[in-house]
Amino acid sequence: MFTKGNCYGIIGANGAGKSTFLKILTGKQEPTTGNVSLEPGKRMSVLEQDHFAYDQYTVLETVPRGNKKLFEIKEEMDALYAKPDFSDEDGIKAGELGRNL
């Protein structure tokens, strides 16, 4: 069980199943036995390893990309805040979006 506030690493020899474990954990692959569940109301973010995909971004710009839904919400909020004619309605929408973060 993973507990709040901790960071975990997965180590093992080539072919030991590290990548398979992560695919199962993220739902990209079904386990052959057992099951994986995420507690209701909890979320998990995964940032795929790609040594060059995020070179042009800062860490603060990169990390949210690990959760596609949250990243899309953040992008939508950023676009609203960047509008030169930011309205009360935009503020309300940004607030509603922010509750999903």
N, C-alpha and C. Protein backbone atom coordinates (compact mmCIF):
# COMPACT_ATOMS: atom_id res chain seq x y z
N MET A 1 0.84 -1.16 0.00
CA MET A 1 0.00 0.00 0.00
C MET A 1 0.90 1.24 0.00
N PHE A 2 0.54 2.19 -0.83
CA PHE A 2 1.25 3.46 -0.89
C PHE A 2 0.60 4.41 0.11
N THR A 3 1.41 5.14 0.85
CA THR A 3 0.86 6.04 1.85
C THR A 3 1.18 7.48 1.51
N LYS A 4 0.32 8.38 1.95
CA LYS A 4 0.42 9.81 1.66
C LYS A 4 1.75 10.38 2.12
N GLY A 5 2.31 11.23 1.25
CA GLY A 5 3.52 11.96 1.62
C GLY A 5 4.81 11.22 1.36
N ASN A 6 4.73 10.01 0.90
CA ASN A 6 5.94 9.24 0.63
C ASN A 6 6.23 9.18 -0.85
N CYS A 7 7.50 9.03 -1.19
CA CYS A 7 7.93 8.82 -2.57
C CYS A 7 8.44 7.40 -2.67
N TYR A 8 8.16 6.76 -3.79
CA TYR A 8 8.54 5.37 -3.95
C TYR A 8 9.36 5.21 -5.22
N GLY A 9 10.30 4.31 -5.18
CA GLY A 9 11.10 3.98 -6.35
C GLY A 9 10.94 2.51 -6.66
N ILE A 10 11.05 2.19 -7.92
CA ILE A 10 10.96 0.79 -8.35
C ILE A 10 12.29 0.44 -8.97
N ILE A 11 12.96 -0.52 -8.37
CA ILE A 11 14.26 -0.94 -8.89
C ILE A 11 14.24 -2.43 -9.16
N GLY A 12 15.05 -2.84 -10.09
CA GLY A 12 15.16 -4.26 -10.41
C GLY A 12 15.97 -4.45 -11.67
N ALA A 13 16.36 -5.66 -11.89
CA ALA A 13 17.16 -6.01 -13.06
C ALA A 13 16.34 -5.86 -14.33
N ASN A 14 17.03 -5.77 -15.46
CA ASN A 14 16.34 -5.76 -16.76
C ASN A 14 15.47 -7.01 -16.85
N GLY A 15 14.23 -6.81 -17.29
CA GLY A 15 13.32 -7.93 -17.46
C GLY A 15 12.62 -8.38 -16.19
N ALA A 16 12.83 -7.67 -15.09
CA ALA A 16 12.23 -8.07 -13.81
C ALA A 16 10.74 -7.74 -13.73
N GLY A 17 10.25 -6.86 -14.60
CA GLY A 17 8.82 -6.53 -14.61
C GLY A 17 8.48 -5.13 -14.13
N LYS A 18 9.46 -4.26 -14.03
CA LYS A 18 9.20 -2.89 -13.56
C LYS A 18 8.22 -2.17 -14.48
N SER A 19 8.48 -2.20 -15.76
CA SER A 19 7.61 -1.51 -16.72
C SER A 19 6.23 -2.15 -16.75
N THR A 20 6.17 -3.47 -16.68
CA THR A 20 4.89 -4.16 -16.66
C THR A 20 4.09 -3.77 -15.43
N PHE A 21 4.76 -3.70 -14.28
CA PHE A 21 4.09 -3.28 -13.05
C PHE A 21 3.47 -1.89 -13.20
N LEU A 22 4.23 -0.96 -13.76
CA LEU A 22 3.72 0.40 -13.94
C LEU A 22 2.57 0.44 -14.93
N LYS A 23 2.64 -0.37 -15.98
CA LYS A 23 1.53 -0.42 -16.94
C LYS A 23 0.27 -0.95 -16.27
N ILE A 24 0.42 -1.95 -15.42
CA ILE A 24 -0.74 -2.49 -14.69
C ILE A 24 -1.26 -1.46 -13.70
N LEU A 25 -0.37 -0.82 -12.99
CA LEU A 25 -0.76 0.18 -12.00
C LEU A 25 -1.54 1.33 -12.62
N THR A 26 -1.16 1.73 -13.84
CA THR A 26 -1.83 2.85 -14.51
C THR A 26 -3.02 2.43 -15.36
N GLY A 27 -3.29 1.13 -15.43
CA GLY A 27 -4.43 0.66 -16.19
C GLY A 27 -4.17 0.47 -17.67
N LYS A 28 -2.93 0.61 -18.10
CA LYS A 28 -2.61 0.42 -19.51
C LYS A 28 -2.52 -1.06 -19.87
N GLN A 29 -2.42 -1.91 -18.86
CA GLN A 29 -2.34 -3.35 -19.08
C GLN A 29 -3.10 -4.04 -17.96
N GLU A 30 -3.85 -5.08 -18.29
CA GLU A 30 -4.59 -5.84 -17.29
C GLU A 30 -3.66 -6.85 -16.63
N PRO A 31 -3.79 -7.04 -15.31
CA PRO A 31 -2.97 -8.06 -14.65
C PRO A 31 -3.46 -9.45 -15.03
N THR A 32 -2.55 -10.41 -15.05
CA THR A 32 -2.96 -11.79 -15.35
C THR A 32 -3.60 -12.43 -14.12
N THR A 33 -3.22 -11.98 -12.93
CA THR A 33 -3.86 -12.41 -11.68
C THR A 33 -3.94 -11.21 -10.75
N GLY A 34 -4.84 -11.28 -9.80
CA GLY A 34 -4.98 -10.20 -8.82
C GLY A 34 -5.66 -8.98 -9.41
N ASN A 35 -5.61 -7.88 -8.67
CA ASN A 35 -6.23 -6.66 -9.15
C ASN A 35 -5.54 -5.45 -8.54
N VAL A 36 -5.79 -4.32 -9.14
CA VAL A 36 -5.26 -3.04 -8.67
C VAL A 36 -6.44 -2.11 -8.53
N SER A 37 -6.51 -1.42 -7.41
CA SER A 37 -7.62 -0.47 -7.23
C SER A 37 -7.08 0.83 -6.66
N LEU A 38 -7.79 1.87 -6.97
CA LEU A 38 -7.46 3.20 -6.47
C LEU A 38 -8.63 3.64 -5.61
N GLU A 39 -8.36 4.01 -4.39
CA GLU A 39 -9.40 4.41 -3.45
C GLU A 39 -10.24 5.54 -4.03
N PRO A 40 -11.57 5.49 -3.88
CA PRO A 40 -12.41 6.56 -4.39
C PRO A 40 -11.95 7.93 -3.88
N GLY A 41 -11.93 8.89 -4.77
CA GLY A 41 -11.50 10.24 -4.42
C GLY A 41 -10.00 10.45 -4.49
N LYS A 42 -9.25 9.39 -4.72
CA LYS A 42 -7.79 9.49 -4.84
C LYS A 42 -7.43 9.55 -6.31
N ARG A 43 -6.28 10.08 -6.61
CA ARG A 43 -5.83 10.12 -8.00
C ARG A 43 -4.34 9.80 -8.05
N MET A 44 -3.93 9.38 -9.21
CA MET A 44 -2.54 9.03 -9.43
C MET A 44 -2.08 9.73 -10.69
N SER A 45 -0.87 10.20 -10.67
CA SER A 45 -0.28 10.85 -11.85
C SER A 45 0.95 10.08 -12.26
N VAL A 46 1.14 9.98 -13.55
CA VAL A 46 2.31 9.30 -14.09
C VAL A 46 2.88 10.15 -15.21
N LEU A 47 4.14 10.40 -15.13
CA LEU A 47 4.83 11.13 -16.19
C LEU A 47 5.75 10.13 -16.87
N GLU A 48 5.41 9.78 -18.10
CA GLU A 48 6.17 8.77 -18.83
C GLU A 48 7.61 9.23 -19.03
N GLN A 49 8.51 8.27 -19.02
CA GLN A 49 9.92 8.59 -19.23
C GLN A 49 10.18 8.85 -20.71
N ASP A 50 10.62 10.02 -20.99
CA ASP A 50 11.04 10.41 -22.34
C ASP A 50 12.09 11.48 -22.13
N HIS A 51 13.33 11.12 -22.36
CA HIS A 51 14.45 11.98 -21.99
C HIS A 51 14.43 13.36 -22.64
N PHE A 52 13.76 13.53 -23.77
CA PHE A 52 13.84 14.80 -24.48
C PHE A 52 12.49 15.49 -24.64
N ALA A 53 11.40 14.85 -24.25
CA ALA A 53 10.06 15.40 -24.50
C ALA A 53 9.79 16.71 -23.77
N TYR A 54 10.44 16.92 -22.65
CA TYR A 54 10.10 18.07 -21.82
C TYR A 54 11.27 19.04 -21.65
N ASP A 55 12.25 18.94 -22.51
CA ASP A 55 13.44 19.80 -22.39
C ASP A 55 13.11 21.29 -22.38
N GLN A 56 12.09 21.69 -23.11
CA GLN A 56 11.79 23.12 -23.23
C GLN A 56 10.95 23.64 -22.07
N TYR A 57 10.58 22.77 -21.12
CA TYR A 57 9.73 23.18 -20.00
C TYR A 57 10.49 23.19 -18.68
N THR A 58 10.02 24.02 -17.75
CA THR A 58 10.56 24.00 -16.40
C THR A 58 9.95 22.80 -15.65
N VAL A 59 10.47 22.51 -14.48
CA VAL A 59 9.91 21.43 -13.67
C VAL A 59 8.45 21.72 -13.33
N LEU A 60 8.15 22.97 -12.97
CA LEU A 60 6.78 23.32 -12.62
C LEU A 60 5.83 23.21 -13.81
N GLU A 61 6.34 23.33 -15.01
CA GLU A 61 5.50 23.15 -16.21
C GLU A 61 5.39 21.67 -16.57
N THR A 62 6.38 20.88 -16.22
CA THR A 62 6.43 19.47 -16.61
C THR A 62 5.61 18.57 -15.70
N VAL A 63 5.75 18.73 -14.40
CA VAL A 63 5.13 17.80 -13.45
C VAL A 63 3.62 17.66 -13.64
N PRO A 64 2.86 18.74 -13.84
CA PRO A 64 1.41 18.56 -14.02
C PRO A 64 1.03 17.73 -15.25
N ARG A 65 1.94 17.58 -16.18
CA ARG A 65 1.66 16.79 -17.37
C ARG A 65 1.49 15.30 -17.04
N GLY A 66 1.86 14.92 -15.83
CA GLY A 66 1.71 13.52 -15.42
C GLY A 66 0.27 13.11 -15.23
N ASN A 67 -0.65 14.05 -15.12
CA ASN A 67 -2.07 13.75 -14.99
C ASN A 67 -2.79 14.53 -16.08
N LYS A 68 -3.15 13.82 -17.14
CA LYS A 68 -3.70 14.47 -18.33
C LYS A 68 -4.91 15.36 -18.02
N LYS A 69 -5.84 14.85 -17.22
CA LYS A 69 -7.05 15.62 -16.91
C LYS A 69 -6.70 16.91 -16.17
N LEU A 70 -5.84 16.81 -15.16
CA LEU A 70 -5.46 18.00 -14.40
C LEU A 70 -4.68 18.98 -15.26
N PHE A 71 -3.84 18.44 -16.14
CA PHE A 71 -3.06 19.30 -17.02
C PHE A 71 -3.99 20.09 -17.95
N GLU A 72 -5.01 19.41 -18.49
CA GLU A 72 -5.95 20.08 -19.38
C GLU A 72 -6.74 21.17 -18.64
N ILE A 73 -7.10 20.89 -17.39
CA ILE A 73 -7.80 21.90 -16.58
C ILE A 73 -6.90 23.10 -16.36
N LYS A 74 -5.64 22.84 -16.01
CA LYS A 74 -4.69 23.93 -15.78
C LYS A 74 -4.50 24.76 -17.05
N GLU A 75 -4.39 24.11 -18.20
CA GLU A 75 -4.23 24.82 -19.47
C GLU A 75 -5.44 25.71 -19.74
N GLU A 76 -6.64 25.18 -19.47
CA GLU A 76 -7.86 25.96 -19.69
C GLU A 76 -7.91 27.17 -18.75
N MET A 77 -7.52 26.95 -17.50
CA MET A 77 -7.48 28.07 -16.54
C MET A 77 -6.46 29.11 -16.97
N ASP A 78 -5.28 28.67 -17.39
CA ASP A 78 -4.24 29.61 -17.84
C ASP A 78 -4.74 30.45 -19.02
N ALA A 79 -5.47 29.80 -19.94
CA ALA A 79 -5.99 30.52 -21.11
C ALA A 79 -7.02 31.57 -20.68
N LEU A 80 -7.84 31.22 -19.71
CA LEU A 80 -8.82 32.19 -19.20
C LEU A 80 -8.12 33.39 -18.58
N TYR A 81 -7.14 33.12 -17.72
CA TYR A 81 -6.43 34.21 -17.03
C TYR A 81 -5.62 35.08 -17.99
N ALA A 82 -5.24 34.52 -19.13
CA ALA A 82 -4.44 35.28 -20.10
C ALA A 82 -5.28 36.19 -20.99
N LYS A 83 -6.60 36.04 -20.94
CA LYS A 83 -7.47 36.85 -21.79
C LYS A 83 -7.34 38.33 -21.42
N PRO A 84 -7.15 39.19 -22.41
CA PRO A 84 -7.07 40.62 -22.11
C PRO A 84 -8.41 41.19 -21.63
N ASP A 85 -9.50 40.53 -22.02
CA ASP A 85 -10.83 41.00 -21.62
C ASP A 85 -11.45 40.04 -20.59
N PHE A 86 -10.65 39.61 -19.62
CA PHE A 86 -11.09 38.70 -18.57
C PHE A 86 -12.35 39.25 -17.90
N SER A 87 -13.41 38.43 -17.91
CA SER A 87 -14.71 38.89 -17.40
C SER A 87 -15.07 38.19 -16.08
N ASP A 88 -16.16 38.65 -15.49
CA ASP A 88 -16.66 37.99 -14.28
C ASP A 88 -16.99 36.53 -14.56
N GLU A 89 -17.58 36.28 -15.74
CA GLU A 89 -17.92 34.91 -16.12
C GLU A 89 -16.66 34.05 -16.23
N ASP A 90 -15.59 34.64 -16.78
CA ASP A 90 -14.32 33.92 -16.86
C ASP A 90 -13.81 33.58 -15.46
N GLY A 91 -13.94 34.52 -14.54
CA GLY A 91 -13.52 34.28 -13.16
C GLY A 91 -14.30 33.17 -12.50
N ILE A 92 -15.60 33.14 -12.75
CA ILE A 92 -16.45 32.07 -12.21
C ILE A 92 -16.04 30.73 -12.79
N LYS A 93 -15.84 30.70 -14.11
CA LYS A 93 -15.45 29.44 -14.76
C LYS A 93 -14.09 28.97 -14.25
N ALA A 94 -13.14 29.88 -14.10
CA ALA A 94 -11.81 29.51 -13.59
C ALA A 94 -11.92 28.96 -12.18
N GLY A 95 -12.78 29.56 -11.37
CA GLY A 95 -12.99 29.06 -10.01
C GLY A 95 -13.58 27.66 -10.00
N GLU A 96 -14.53 27.42 -10.90
CA GLU A 96 -15.13 26.08 -11.00
C GLU A 96 -14.09 25.06 -11.45
N LEU A 97 -13.28 25.44 -12.42
CA LEU A 97 -12.22 24.55 -12.89
C LEU A 97 -11.22 24.26 -11.76
N GLY A 98 -10.89 25.30 -10.99
CA GLY A 98 -9.92 25.15 -9.92
C GLY A 98 -10.34 24.17 -8.84
N ARG A 99 -11.63 23.98 -8.68
CA ARG A 99 -12.10 23.01 -7.68
C ARG A 99 -11.77 21.59 -8.08
N ASN A 100 -11.45 21.37 -9.35
CA ASN A 100 -11.11 20.02 -9.83
C ASN A 100 -9.63 19.71 -9.70
N LEU A 101 -8.84 20.69 -9.28
CA LEU A 101 -7.40 20.46 -9.15
C LEU A 101 -7.07 19.80 -7.84
